[in-house]
Amino acid sequence: MNCFYHPDHPAVGLCKHCQRGLCADCAAVVDDVLACVGRHEDEVRMSEQLTARNLFQSKRVSASYLRNAIFYGLVGVLFAGFGWMQYRFLGLQAVFFILIGLFLLYASIANYLEGRKHK
């Protein structure tokens, strides 16, 4: 592959913004990636900053899902356990507590699995 701006020079890499081949004279290194010198340096810098922020946010989202999973699991166990222990006294109301507990345990598992996607 040859340089887009100097067809007689071999390309050393691609611009991250426009994906054009660049020779050593046309390439600028911005945050460890290549950009067209004087043309796309600002765009590549902003793109790299956005990528870094997204990675940081992804880790925060993962932690939030884990906290939710723990909370839902504990409350689900409490509801299901209360319903189970009070079944003979409350009857159908106890079944309602058990169902709420099971739903919260399902939500706990769903949050845990969703949080693992964001690691």
PDB file of N, CA and C in Angstrom:
ATOM      1  N   MET A   1       0.852  -1.160   0.000  1.00  0.00           N
ATOM      2  CA  MET A   1       0.000   0.000   0.000  1.00  0.00           C
ATOM      3  C   MET A   1       0.901   1.227   0.000  1.00  0.00           C
ATOM      4  N   ASN A   2       0.470   2.243  -0.710  1.00  0.00           N
ATOM      5  CA  ASN A   2       1.228   3.488  -0.790  1.00  0.00           C
ATOM      6  C   ASN A   2       0.488   4.609  -0.074  1.00  0.00           C
ATOM      7  N   CYS A   3       1.224   5.691   0.169  1.00  0.00           N
ATOM      8  CA  CYS A   3       0.665   6.854   0.842  1.00  0.00           C
ATOM      9  C   CYS A   3      -0.403   7.502  -0.044  1.00  0.00           C
ATOM     10  N   PHE A   4      -1.495   7.923   0.560  1.00  0.00           N
ATOM     11  CA  PHE A   4      -2.583   8.570  -0.188  1.00  0.00           C
ATOM     12  C   PHE A   4      -2.115   9.907  -0.758  1.00  0.00           C
ATOM     13  N   TYR A   5      -1.316  10.644   0.006  1.00  0.00           N
ATOM     14  CA  TYR A   5      -0.886  11.981  -0.410  1.00  0.00           C
ATOM     15  C   TYR A   5       0.394  11.956  -1.237  1.00  0.00           C
ATOM     16  N   HIS A   6       1.207  10.921  -1.103  1.00  0.00           N
ATOM     17  CA  HIS A   6       2.446  10.738  -1.875  1.00  0.00           C
ATOM     18  C   HIS A   6       2.436   9.323  -2.450  1.00  0.00           C
ATOM     19  N   PRO A   7       1.834   9.124  -3.611  1.00  0.00           N
ATOM     20  CA  PRO A   7       1.680   7.763  -4.157  1.00  0.00           C
ATOM     21  C   PRO A   7       2.997   7.027  -4.409  1.00  0.00           C
ATOM     22  N   ASP A   8       4.122   7.735  -4.449  1.00  0.00           N
ATOM     23  CA  ASP A   8       5.406   7.074  -4.696  1.00  0.00           C
ATOM     24  C   ASP A   8       6.089   6.623  -3.395  1.00  0.00           C
ATOM     25  N   HIS A   9       5.518   6.933  -2.212  1.00  0.00           N
ATOM     26  CA  HIS A   9       6.073   6.522  -0.926  1.00  0.00           C
ATOM     27  C   HIS A   9       5.240   5.373  -0.347  1.00  0.00           C
ATOM     28  N   PRO A  10       5.900   4.390   0.264  1.00  0.00           N
ATOM     29  CA  PRO A  10       5.130   3.311   0.914  1.00  0.00           C
ATOM     30  C   PRO A  10       4.447   3.815   2.195  1.00  0.00           C
ATOM     31  N   ALA A  11       3.301   3.282   2.467  1.00  0.00           N
ATOM     32  CA  ALA A  11       2.550   3.666   3.668  1.00  0.00           C
ATOM     33  C   ALA A  11       3.095   2.936   4.887  1.00  0.00           C
ATOM     34  N   VAL A  12       3.125   3.638   6.025  1.00  0.00           N
ATOM     35  CA  VAL A  12       3.556   3.025   7.277  1.00  0.00           C
ATOM     36  C   VAL A  12       2.361   2.683   8.162  1.00  0.00           C
ATOM     37  N   GLY A  13       1.185   3.163   7.802  1.00  0.00           N
ATOM     38  CA  GLY A  13      -0.013   2.881   8.584  1.00  0.00           C
ATOM     39  C   GLY A  13      -1.213   3.620   8.020  1.00  0.00           C
ATOM     40  N   LEU A  14      -2.336   3.502   8.727  1.00  0.00           N
ATOM     41  CA  LEU A  14      -3.582   4.132   8.301  1.00  0.00           C
ATOM     42  C   LEU A  14      -3.990   5.213   9.291  1.00  0.00           C
ATOM     43  N   CYS A  15      -4.578   6.282   8.773  1.00  0.00           N
ATOM     44  CA  CYS A  15      -5.140   7.318   9.628  1.00  0.00           C
ATOM     45  C   CYS A  15      -6.373   6.743  10.319  1.00  0.00           C
ATOM     46  N   LYS A  16      -6.467   6.931  11.628  1.00  0.00           N
ATOM     47  CA  LYS A  16      -7.599   6.378  12.372  1.00  0.00           C
ATOM     48  C   LYS A  16      -8.905   7.062  11.995  1.00  0.00           C
ATOM     49  N   HIS A  17      -8.848   8.302  11.515  1.00  0.00           N
ATOM     50  CA  HIS A  17     -10.068   9.040  11.177  1.00  0.00           C
ATOM     51  C   HIS A  17     -10.562   8.718   9.759  1.00  0.00           C
ATOM     52  N   CYS A  18      -9.679   8.811   8.784  1.00  0.00           N
ATOM     53  CA  CYS A  18     -10.123   8.650   7.388  1.00  0.00           C
ATOM     54  C   CYS A  18      -9.721   7.322   6.757  1.00  0.00           C
ATOM     55  N   GLN A  19      -8.905   6.521   7.450  1.00  0.00           N
ATOM     56  CA  GLN A  19      -8.471   5.203   6.990  1.00  0.00           C
ATOM     57  C   GLN A  19      -7.640   5.257   5.707  1.00  0.00           C
ATOM     58  N   ARG A  20      -6.969   6.372   5.456  1.00  0.00           N
ATOM     59  CA  ARG A  20      -6.094   6.487   4.296  1.00  0.00           C
ATOM     60  C   ARG A  20      -4.680   6.073   4.678  1.00  0.00           C
ATOM     61  N   GLY A  21      -3.976   5.469   3.717  1.00  0.00           N
ATOM     62  CA  GLY A  21      -2.591   5.089   3.944  1.00  0.00           C
ATOM     63  C   GLY A  21      -1.714   6.322   4.076  1.00  0.00           C
ATOM     64  N   LEU A  22      -0.758   6.283   5.023  1.00  0.00           N
ATOM     65  CA  LEU A  22       0.108   7.427   5.284  1.00  0.00           C
ATOM     66  C   LEU A  22       1.569   7.008   5.266  1.00  0.00           C
ATOM     67  N   CYS A  23       2.414   7.860   4.659  1.00  0.00           N
ATOM     68  CA  CYS A  23       3.855   7.628   4.722  1.00  0.00           C
ATOM     69  C   CYS A  23       4.382   8.278   6.005  1.00  0.00           C
ATOM     70  N   ALA A  24       5.672   8.141   6.255  1.00  0.00           N
ATOM     71  CA  ALA A  24       6.259   8.686   7.482  1.00  0.00           C
ATOM     72  C   ALA A  24       6.151  10.204   7.533  1.00  0.00           C
ATOM     73  N   ASP A  25       6.159  10.886   6.391  1.00  0.00           N
ATOM     74  CA  ASP A  25       6.067  12.349   6.365  1.00  0.00           C
ATOM     75  C   ASP A  25       4.641  12.838   6.653  1.00  0.00           C
ATOM     76  N   CYS A  26       3.634  12.048   6.312  1.00  0.00           N
ATOM     77  CA  CYS A  26       2.235  12.465   6.457  1.00  0.00           C
ATOM     78  C   CYS A  26       1.585  11.972   7.748  1.00  0.00           C
ATOM     79  N   ALA A  27       2.272  11.126   8.473  1.00  0.00           N
ATOM     80  CA  ALA A  27       1.679  10.522   9.668  1.00  0.00           C
ATOM     81  C   ALA A  27       2.078  11.296  10.920  1.00  0.00           C
ATOM     82  N   ALA A  28       1.099  11.524  11.774  1.00  0.00           N
ATOM     83  CA  ALA A  28       1.340  12.124  13.093  1.00  0.00           C
ATOM     84  C   ALA A  28       0.848  11.118  14.137  1.00  0.00           C
ATOM     85  N   VAL A  29       1.641  10.901  15.179  1.00  0.00           N
ATOM     86  CA  VAL A  29       1.250   9.977  16.235  1.00  0.00           C
ATOM     87  C   VAL A  29       0.476  10.764  17.295  1.00  0.00           C
ATOM     88  N   VAL A  30      -0.788  10.372  17.490  1.00  0.00           N
ATOM     89  CA  VAL A  30      -1.663  11.022  18.470  1.00  0.00           C
ATOM     90  C   VAL A  30      -2.193   9.936  19.392  1.00  0.00           C
ATOM     91  N   ASP A  31      -1.783   9.979  20.660  1.00  0.00           N
ATOM     92  CA  ASP A  31      -2.232   8.990  21.644  1.00  0.00           C
ATOM     93  C   ASP A  31      -2.013   7.559  21.154  1.00  0.00           C
ATOM     94  N   ASP A  32      -0.841   7.284  20.635  1.00  0.00           N
ATOM     95  CA  ASP A  32      -0.418   5.958  20.159  1.00  0.00           C
ATOM     96  C   ASP A  32      -1.141   5.466  18.915  1.00  0.00           C
ATOM     97  N   VAL A  33      -1.818   6.329  18.190  1.00  0.00           N
ATOM     98  CA  VAL A  33      -2.435   5.961  16.910  1.00  0.00           C
ATOM     99  C   VAL A  33      -2.027   6.993  15.870  1.00  0.00           C
ATOM    100  N   LEU A  34      -2.196   6.633  14.611  1.00  0.00           N
ATOM    101  CA  LEU A  34      -1.798   7.530  13.525  1.00  0.00           C
ATOM    102  C   LEU A  34      -2.946   8.406  13.060  1.00  0.00           C
ATOM    103  N   ALA A  35      -2.567   9.624  12.623  1.00  0.00           N
ATOM    104  CA  ALA A  35      -3.532  10.567  12.059  1.00  0.00           C
ATOM    105  C   ALA A  35      -2.837  11.320  10.940  1.00  0.00           C
ATOM    106  N   CYS A  36      -3.624  11.855  10.022  1.00  0.00           N
ATOM    107  CA  CYS A  36      -3.069  12.702   8.971  1.00  0.00           C
ATOM    108  C   CYS A  36      -2.525  13.968   9.629  1.00  0.00           C
ATOM    109  N   VAL A  37      -1.238  14.273   9.371  1.00  0.00           N
ATOM    110  CA  VAL A  37      -0.611  15.422  10.011  1.00  0.00           C
ATOM    111  C   VAL A  37      -1.286  16.711   9.516  1.00  0.00           C
ATOM    112  N   GLY A  38      -1.712  17.540  10.461  1.00  0.00           N
ATOM    113  CA  GLY A  38      -2.338  18.809  10.131  1.00  0.00           C
ATOM    114  C   GLY A  38      -3.773  18.717   9.641  1.00  0.00           C
ATOM    115  N   ARG A  39      -4.326  17.521   9.548  1.00  0.00           N
ATOM    116  CA  ARG A  39      -5.690  17.375   9.038  1.00  0.00           C
ATOM    117  C   ARG A  39      -6.641  16.762  10.067  1.00  0.00           C
ATOM    118  N   HIS A  40      -6.281  15.609  10.603  1.00  0.00           N
ATOM    119  CA  HIS A  40      -7.205  14.856  11.457  1.00  0.00           C
ATOM    120  C   HIS A  40      -6.695  14.627  12.873  1.00  0.00           C
ATOM    121  N   GLU A  41      -5.707  15.371  13.289  1.00  0.00           N
ATOM    122  CA  GLU A  41      -5.137  15.151  14.619  1.00  0.00           C
ATOM    123  C   GLU A  41      -6.149  15.432  15.732  1.00  0.00           C
ATOM    124  N   ASP A  42      -6.904  16.519  15.611  1.00  0.00           N
ATOM    125  CA  ASP A  42      -7.899  16.848  16.644  1.00  0.00           C
ATOM    126  C   ASP A  42      -9.014  15.808  16.705  1.00  0.00           C
ATOM    127  N   GLU A  43      -9.477  15.355  15.534  1.00  0.00           N
ATOM    128  CA  GLU A  43     -10.551  14.356  15.511  1.00  0.00           C
ATOM    129  C   GLU A  43     -10.106  13.045  16.161  1.00  0.00           C
ATOM    130  N   VAL A  44      -8.876  12.625  15.867  1.00  0.00           N
ATOM    131  CA  VAL A  44      -8.361  11.378  16.445  1.00  0.00           C
ATOM    132  C   VAL A  44      -8.173  11.538  17.955  1.00  0.00           C
ATOM    133  N   ARG A  45      -7.687  12.687  18.395  1.00  0.00           N
ATOM    134  CA  ARG A  45      -7.508  12.925  19.834  1.00  0.00           C
ATOM    135  C   ARG A  45      -8.855  12.853  20.550  1.00  0.00           C
ATOM    136  N   MET A  46      -9.897  13.487  19.980  1.00  0.00           N
ATOM    137  CA  MET A  46     -11.220  13.435  20.595  1.00  0.00           C
ATOM    138  C   MET A  46     -11.778  12.019  20.599  1.00  0.00           C
ATOM    139  N   SER A  47     -11.544  11.281  19.533  1.00  0.00           N
ATOM    140  CA  SER A  47     -12.013   9.895  19.452  1.00  0.00           C
ATOM    141  C   SER A  47     -11.342   9.027  20.513  1.00  0.00           C
ATOM    142  N   GLU A  48     -10.060   9.207  20.720  1.00  0.00           N
ATOM    143  CA  GLU A  48      -9.337   8.437  21.740  1.00  0.00           C
ATOM    144  C   GLU A  48      -9.807   8.801  23.148  1.00  0.00           C
ATOM    145  N   GLN A  49     -10.084  10.080  23.396  1.00  0.00           N
ATOM    146  CA  GLN A  49     -10.600  10.497  24.701  1.00  0.00           C
ATOM    147  C   GLN A  49     -11.978   9.894  24.957  1.00  0.00           C
ATOM    148  N   LEU A  50     -12.815   9.885  23.925  1.00  0.00           N
ATOM    149  CA  LEU A  50     -14.149   9.305  24.058  1.00  0.00           C
ATOM    150  C   LEU A  50     -14.062   7.800  24.347  1.00  0.00           C
ATOM    151  N   THR A  51     -13.152   7.117  23.685  1.00  0.00           N
ATOM    152  CA  THR A  51     -12.965   5.692  23.925  1.00  0.00           C
ATOM    153  C   THR A  51     -12.510   5.442  25.363  1.00  0.00           C
ATOM    154  N   ALA A  52     -11.591   6.254  25.855  1.00  0.00           N
ATOM    155  CA  ALA A  52     -11.107   6.090  27.232  1.00  0.00           C
ATOM    156  C   ALA A  52     -12.237   6.337  28.232  1.00  0.00           C
ATOM    157  N   ARG A  53     -13.062   7.363  27.981  1.00  0.00           N
ATOM    158  CA  ARG A  53     -14.194   7.624  28.881  1.00  0.00           C
ATOM    159  C   ARG A  53     -15.191   6.479  28.860  1.00  0.00           C
ATOM    160  N   ASN A  54     -15.452   5.917  27.682  1.00  0.00           N
ATOM    161  CA  ASN A  54     -16.391   4.802  27.586  1.00  0.00           C
ATOM    162  C   ASN A  54     -15.896   3.577  28.343  1.00  0.00           C
ATOM    163  N   LEU A  55     -14.605   3.305  28.267  1.00  0.00           N
ATOM    164  CA  LEU A  55     -14.051   2.176  29.018  1.00  0.00           C
ATOM    165  C   LEU A  55     -14.181   2.401  30.515  1.00  0.00           C
ATOM    166  N   PHE A  56     -13.941   3.630  30.965  1.00  0.00           N
ATOM    167  CA  PHE A  56     -14.080   3.952  32.384  1.00  0.00           C
ATOM    168  C   PHE A  56     -15.532   3.790  32.831  1.00  0.00           C
ATOM    169  N   GLN A  57     -16.465   4.293  32.044  1.00  0.00           N
ATOM    170  CA  GLN A  57     -17.886   4.184  32.377  1.00  0.00           C
ATOM    171  C   GLN A  57     -18.334   2.729  32.387  1.00  0.00           C
ATOM    172  N   SER A  58     -17.790   1.921  31.501  1.00  0.00           N
ATOM    173  CA  SER A  58     -18.160   0.515  31.449  1.00  0.00           C
ATOM    174  C   SER A  58     -17.814  -0.186  32.750  1.00  0.00           C
ATOM    175  N   LYS A  59     -16.675   0.145  33.339  1.00  0.00           N
ATOM    176  CA  LYS A  59     -16.302  -0.458  34.620  1.00  0.00           C
ATOM    177  C   LYS A  59     -17.234   0.004  35.728  1.00  0.00           C
ATOM    178  N   ARG A  60     -17.662   1.271  35.683  1.00  0.00           N
ATOM    179  CA  ARG A  60     -18.601   1.774  36.693  1.00  0.00           C
ATOM    180  C   ARG A  60     -19.955   1.094  36.548  1.00  0.00           C
ATOM    181  N   VAL A  61     -20.387   0.866  35.325  1.00  0.00           N
ATOM    182  CA  VAL A  61     -21.672   0.201  35.088  1.00  0.00           C
ATOM    183  C   VAL A  61     -21.628  -1.224  35.618  1.00  0.00           C
ATOM    184  N   SER A  62     -20.520  -1.903  35.413  1.00  0.00           N
ATOM    185  CA  SER A  62     -20.371  -3.269  35.904  1.00  0.00           C
ATOM    186  C   SER A  62     -20.510  -3.328  37.417  1.00  0.00           C
ATOM    187  N   ALA A  63     -19.901  -2.373  38.113  1.00  0.00           N
ATOM    188  CA  ALA A  63     -19.990  -2.342  39.576  1.00  0.00           C
ATOM    189  C   ALA A  63     -21.427  -2.083  40.027  1.00  0.00           C
ATOM    190  N   SER A  64     -22.148  -1.251  39.295  1.00  0.00           N
ATOM    191  CA  SER A  64     -23.548  -0.965  39.643  1.00  0.00           C
ATOM    192  C   SER A  64     -24.411  -2.212  39.500  1.00  0.00           C
ATOM    193  N   TYR A  65     -24.204  -2.954  38.436  1.00  0.00           N
ATOM    194  CA  TYR A  65     -24.963  -4.194  38.259  1.00  0.00           C
ATOM    195  C   TYR A  65     -24.676  -5.183  39.387  1.00  0.00           C
ATOM    196  N   LEU A  66     -23.422  -5.257  39.815  1.00  0.00           N
ATOM    197  CA  LEU A  66     -23.077  -6.179  40.894  1.00  0.00           C
ATOM    198  C   LEU A  66     -23.744  -5.759  42.207  1.00  0.00           C
ATOM    199  N   ARG A  67     -23.726  -4.454  42.509  1.00  0.00           N
ATOM    200  CA  ARG A  67     -24.415  -3.977  43.720  1.00  0.00           C
ATOM    201  C   ARG A  67     -25.898  -4.295  43.659  1.00  0.00           C
ATOM    202  N   ASN A  68     -26.521  -4.077  42.505  1.00  0.00           N
ATOM    203  CA  ASN A  68     -27.945  -4.389  42.356  1.00  0.00           C
ATOM    204  C   ASN A  68     -28.203  -5.875  42.548  1.00  0.00           C
ATOM    205  N   ALA A  69     -27.328  -6.711  42.002  1.00  0.00           N
ATOM    206  CA  ALA A  69     -27.506  -8.154  42.123  1.00  0.00           C
ATOM    207  C   ALA A  69     -27.454  -8.587  43.587  1.00  0.00           C
ATOM    208  N   ILE A  70     -26.519  -8.034  44.340  1.00  0.00           N
ATOM    209  CA  ILE A  70     -26.414  -8.384  45.758  1.00  0.00           C
ATOM    210  C   ILE A  70     -27.662  -7.930  46.511  1.00  0.00           C
ATOM    211  N   PHE A  71     -28.099  -6.699  46.267  1.00  0.00           N
ATOM    212  CA  PHE A  71     -29.276  -6.177  46.964  1.00  0.00           C
ATOM    213  C   PHE A  71     -30.523  -6.997  46.625  1.00  0.00           C
ATOM    214  N   TYR A  72     -30.765  -7.231  45.337  1.00  0.00           N
ATOM    215  CA  TYR A  72     -31.941  -8.014  44.940  1.00  0.00           C
ATOM    216  C   TYR A  72     -31.892  -9.431  45.517  1.00  0.00           C
ATOM    217  N   GLY A  73     -30.698 -10.017  45.545  1.00  0.00           N
ATOM    218  CA  GLY A  73     -30.570 -11.362  46.089  1.00  0.00           C
ATOM    219  C   GLY A  73     -30.921 -11.415  47.568  1.00  0.00           C
ATOM    220  N   LEU A  74     -30.402 -10.468  48.340  1.00  0.00           N
ATOM    221  CA  LEU A  74     -30.696 -10.451  49.773  1.00  0.00           C
ATOM    222  C   LEU A  74     -32.182 -10.205  50.044  1.00  0.00           C
ATOM    223  N   VAL A  75     -32.763  -9.226  49.367  1.00  0.00           N
ATOM    224  CA  VAL A  75     -34.183  -8.934  49.576  1.00  0.00           C
ATOM    225  C   VAL A  75     -35.043 -10.094  49.079  1.00  0.00           C
ATOM    226  N   GLY A  76     -34.637 -10.725  47.986  1.00  0.00           N
ATOM    227  CA  GLY A  76     -35.376 -11.879  47.474  1.00  0.00           C
ATOM    228  C   GLY A  76     -35.379 -13.032  48.450  1.00  0.00           C
ATOM    229  N   VAL A  77     -34.230 -13.295  49.053  1.00  0.00           N
ATOM    230  CA  VAL A  77     -34.153 -14.363  50.059  1.00  0.00           C
ATOM    231  C   VAL A  77     -35.033 -14.033  51.259  1.00  0.00           C
ATOM    232  N   LEU A  78     -35.016 -12.766  51.681  1.00  0.00           N
ATOM    233  CA  LEU A  78     -35.860 -12.366  52.818  1.00  0.00           C
ATOM    234  C   LEU A  78     -37.349 -12.555  52.506  1.00  0.00           C
ATOM    235  N   PHE A  79     -37.779 -12.101  51.336  1.00  0.00           N
ATOM    236  CA  PHE A  79     -39.191 -12.247  50.974  1.00  0.00           C
ATOM    237  C   PHE A  79     -39.592 -13.716  50.859  1.00  0.00           C
ATOM    238  N   ALA A  80     -38.773 -14.487  50.141  1.00  0.00           N
ATOM    239  CA  ALA A  80     -39.112 -15.899  49.952  1.00  0.00           C
ATOM    240  C   ALA A  80     -39.081 -16.640  51.289  1.00  0.00           C
ATOM    241  N   GLY A  81     -38.095 -16.360  52.122  1.00  0.00           N
ATOM    242  CA  GLY A  81     -38.018 -17.011  53.429  1.00  0.00           C
ATOM    243  C   GLY A  81     -39.184 -16.635  54.331  1.00  0.00           C
ATOM    244  N   PHE A  82     -39.554 -15.354  54.323  1.00  0.00           N
ATOM    245  CA  PHE A  82     -40.697 -14.930  55.131  1.00  0.00           C
ATOM    246  C   PHE A  82     -41.983 -15.608  54.661  1.00  0.00           C
ATOM    247  N   GLY A  83     -42.179 -15.645  53.358  1.00  0.00           N
ATOM    248  CA  GLY A  83     -43.375 -16.303  52.818  1.00  0.00           C
ATOM    249  C   GLY A  83     -43.404 -17.786  53.162  1.00  0.00           C
ATOM    250  N   TRP A  84     -42.253 -18.437  53.070  1.00  0.00           N
ATOM    251  CA  TRP A  84     -42.174 -19.876  53.366  1.00  0.00           C
ATOM    252  C   TRP A  84     -42.479 -20.151  54.841  1.00  0.00           C
ATOM    253  N   MET A  85     -41.926 -19.299  55.723  1.00  0.00           N
ATOM    254  CA  MET A  85     -42.114 -19.520  57.160  1.00  0.00           C
ATOM    255  C   MET A  85     -43.539 -19.176  57.616  1.00  0.00           C
ATOM    256  N   GLN A  86     -44.182 -18.272  56.931  1.00  0.00           N
ATOM    257  CA  GLN A  86     -45.505 -17.819  57.352  1.00  0.00           C
ATOM    258  C   GLN A  86     -46.627 -18.438  56.518  1.00  0.00           C
ATOM    259  N   TYR A  87     -46.319 -19.456  55.743  1.00  0.00           N
ATOM    260  CA  TYR A  87     -47.317 -20.032  54.833  1.00  0.00           C
ATOM    261  C   TYR A  87     -48.554 -20.541  55.582  1.00  0.00           C
ATOM    262  N   ARG A  88     -48.369 -21.241  56.660  1.00  0.00           N
ATOM    263  CA  ARG A  88     -49.544 -21.816  57.344  1.00  0.00           C
ATOM    264  C   ARG A  88     -50.363 -20.758  58.070  1.00  0.00           C
ATOM    265  N   PHE A  89     -49.760 -19.588  58.360  1.00  0.00           N
ATOM    266  CA  PHE A  89     -50.515 -18.525  59.029  1.00  0.00           C
ATOM    267  C   PHE A  89     -51.180 -17.565  58.040  1.00  0.00           C
ATOM    268  N   LEU A  90     -50.497 -17.298  56.930  1.00  0.00           N
ATOM    269  CA  LEU A  90     -51.000 -16.301  55.985  1.00  0.00           C
ATOM    270  C   LEU A  90     -51.682 -16.902  54.762  1.00  0.00           C
ATOM    271  N   GLY A  91     -51.397 -18.134  54.441  1.00  0.00           N
ATOM    272  CA  GLY A  91     -52.035 -18.794  53.306  1.00  0.00           C
ATOM    273  C   GLY A  91     -51.631 -18.177  51.975  1.00  0.00           C
ATOM    274  N   LEU A  92     -52.612 -17.656  51.230  1.00  0.00           N
ATOM    275  CA  LEU A  92     -52.378 -17.121  49.890  1.00  0.00           C
ATOM    276  C   LEU A  92     -51.466 -15.890  49.923  1.00  0.00           C
ATOM    277  N   GLN A  93     -51.524 -15.110  50.974  1.00  0.00           N
ATOM    278  CA  GLN A  93     -50.628 -13.956  51.086  1.00  0.00           C
ATOM    279  C   GLN A  93     -49.175 -14.403  51.161  1.00  0.00           C
ATOM    280  N   ALA A  94     -48.911 -15.496  51.801  1.00  0.00           N
ATOM    281  CA  ALA A  94     -47.551 -16.021  51.886  1.00  0.00           C
ATOM    282  C   ALA A  94     -47.049 -16.446  50.510  1.00  0.00           C
ATOM    283  N   VAL A  95     -47.937 -16.998  49.684  1.00  0.00           N
ATOM    284  CA  VAL A  95     -47.556 -17.364  48.314  1.00  0.00           C
ATOM    285  C   VAL A  95     -47.140 -16.114  47.545  1.00  0.00           C
ATOM    286  N   PHE A  96     -47.854 -15.028  47.783  1.00  0.00           N
ATOM    287  CA  PHE A  96     -47.510 -13.759  47.146  1.00  0.00           C
ATOM    288  C   PHE A  96     -46.096 -13.319  47.553  1.00  0.00           C
ATOM    289  N   PHE A  97     -45.750 -13.441  48.842  1.00  0.00           N
ATOM    290  CA  PHE A  97     -44.400 -13.099  49.297  1.00  0.00           C
ATOM    291  C   PHE A  97     -43.352 -14.007  48.662  1.00  0.00           C
ATOM    292  N   ILE A  98     -43.673 -15.273  48.533  1.00  0.00           N
ATOM    293  CA  ILE A  98     -42.739 -16.219  47.914  1.00  0.00           C
ATOM    294  C   ILE A  98     -42.508 -15.852  46.452  1.00  0.00           C
ATOM    295  N   LEU A  99     -43.572 -15.500  45.742  1.00  0.00           N
ATOM    296  CA  LEU A  99     -43.441 -15.118  44.334  1.00  0.00           C
ATOM    297  C   LEU A  99     -42.610 -13.848  44.171  1.00  0.00           C
ATOM    298  N   ILE A 100     -42.834 -12.887  45.056  1.00  0.00           N
ATOM    299  CA  ILE A 100     -42.012 -11.669  45.002  1.00  0.00           C
ATOM    300  C   ILE A 100     -40.548 -12.023  45.254  1.00  0.00           C
ATOM    301  N   GLY A 101     -40.296 -12.878  46.217  1.00  0.00           N
ATOM    302  CA  GLY A 101     -38.926 -13.303  46.505  1.00  0.00           C
ATOM    303  C   GLY A 101     -38.278 -13.998  45.332  1.00  0.00           C
ATOM    304  N   LEU A 102     -39.022 -14.881  44.674  1.00  0.00           N
ATOM    305  CA  LEU A 102     -38.481 -15.574  43.499  1.00  0.00           C
ATOM    306  C   LEU A 102     -38.207 -14.602  42.353  1.00  0.00           C
ATOM    307  N   PHE A 103     -39.098 -13.631  42.170  1.00  0.00           N
ATOM    308  CA  PHE A 103     -38.867 -12.635  41.123  1.00  0.00           C
ATOM    309  C   PHE A 103     -37.613 -11.815  41.429  1.00  0.00           C
ATOM    310  N   LEU A 104     -37.414 -11.441  42.687  1.00  0.00           N
ATOM    311  CA  LEU A 104     -36.215 -10.683  43.052  1.00  0.00           C
ATOM    312  C   LEU A 104     -34.947 -11.526  42.890  1.00  0.00           C
ATOM    313  N   LEU A 105     -35.029 -12.806  43.163  1.00  0.00           N
ATOM    314  CA  LEU A 105     -33.873 -13.679  42.923  1.00  0.00           C
ATOM    315  C   LEU A 105     -33.565 -13.779  41.426  1.00  0.00           C
ATOM    316  N   TYR A 106     -34.610 -13.834  40.605  1.00  0.00           N
ATOM    317  CA  TYR A 106     -34.412 -13.809  39.152  1.00  0.00           C
ATOM    318  C   TYR A 106     -33.749 -12.499  38.732  1.00  0.00           C
ATOM    319  N   ALA A 107     -34.218 -11.369  39.287  1.00  0.00           N
ATOM    320  CA  ALA A 107     -33.631 -10.068  38.965  1.00  0.00           C
ATOM    321  C   ALA A 107     -32.167 -10.015  39.401  1.00  0.00           C
ATOM    322  N   SER A 108     -31.864 -10.645  40.519  1.00  0.00           N
ATOM    323  CA  SER A 108     -30.490 -10.694  40.999  1.00  0.00           C
ATOM    324  C   SER A 108     -29.591 -11.436  40.011  1.00  0.00           C
ATOM    325  N   ILE A 109     -30.048 -12.569  39.548  1.00  0.00           N
ATOM    326  CA  ILE A 109     -29.266 -13.350  38.578  1.00  0.00           C
ATOM    327  C   ILE A 109     -29.116 -12.580  37.271  1.00  0.00           C
ATOM    328  N   ALA A 110     -30.198 -11.948  36.817  1.00  0.00           N
ATOM    329  CA  ALA A 110     -30.145 -11.179  35.571  1.00  0.00           C
ATOM    330  C   ALA A 110     -29.161 -10.013  35.687  1.00  0.00           C
ATOM    331  N   ASN A 111     -29.148  -9.311  36.814  1.00  0.00           N
ATOM    332  CA  ASN A 111     -28.211  -8.205  37.004  1.00  0.00           C
ATOM    333  C   ASN A 111     -26.780  -8.703  37.062  1.00  0.00           C
ATOM    334  N   TYR A 112     -26.558  -9.817  37.718  1.00  0.00           N
ATOM    335  CA  TYR A 112     -25.212 -10.378  37.788  1.00  0.00           C
ATOM    336  C   TYR A 112     -24.690 -10.727  36.392  1.00  0.00           C
ATOM    337  N   LEU A 113     -25.518 -11.389  35.604  1.00  0.00           N
ATOM    338  CA  LEU A 113     -25.095 -11.781  34.252  1.00  0.00           C
ATOM    339  C   LEU A 113     -24.890 -10.567  33.357  1.00  0.00           C
ATOM    340  N   GLU A 114     -25.725  -9.549  33.502  1.00  0.00           N
ATOM    341  CA  GLU A 114     -25.564  -8.333  32.700  1.00  0.00           C
ATOM    342  C   GLU A 114     -24.283  -7.601  33.093  1.00  0.00           C
ATOM    343  N   GLY A 115     -23.961  -7.587  34.371  1.00  0.00           N
ATOM    344  CA  GLY A 115     -22.736  -6.940  34.821  1.00  0.00           C
ATOM    345  C   GLY A 115     -21.504  -7.623  34.296  1.00  0.00           C
ATOM    346  N   ARG A 116     -21.555  -8.923  34.108  1.00  0.00           N
ATOM    347  CA  ARG A 116     -20.393  -9.645  33.558  1.00  0.00           C
ATOM    348  C   ARG A 116     -20.130  -9.279  32.110  1.00  0.00           C
ATOM    349  N   LYS A 117     -21.148  -8.828  31.399  1.00  0.00           N
ATOM    350  CA  LYS A 117     -20.951  -8.402  29.998  1.00  0.00           C
ATOM    351  C   LYS A 117     -20.114  -7.150  29.899  1.00  0.00           C
ATOM    352  N   HIS A 118     -20.117  -6.310  30.927  1.00  0.00           N
ATOM    353  CA  HIS A 118     -19.456  -5.012  30.871  1.00  0.00           C
ATOM    354  C   HIS A 118     -18.052  -5.015  31.440  1.00  0.00           C
ATOM    355  N   LYS A 119     -17.510  -6.173  31.767  1.00  0.00           N
ATOM    356  CA  LYS A 119     -16.144  -6.223  32.318  1.00  0.00           C
ATOM    357  C   LYS A 119     -15.125  -6.136  31.227  1.00  0.00           C
TER     358      LYS A 119
END
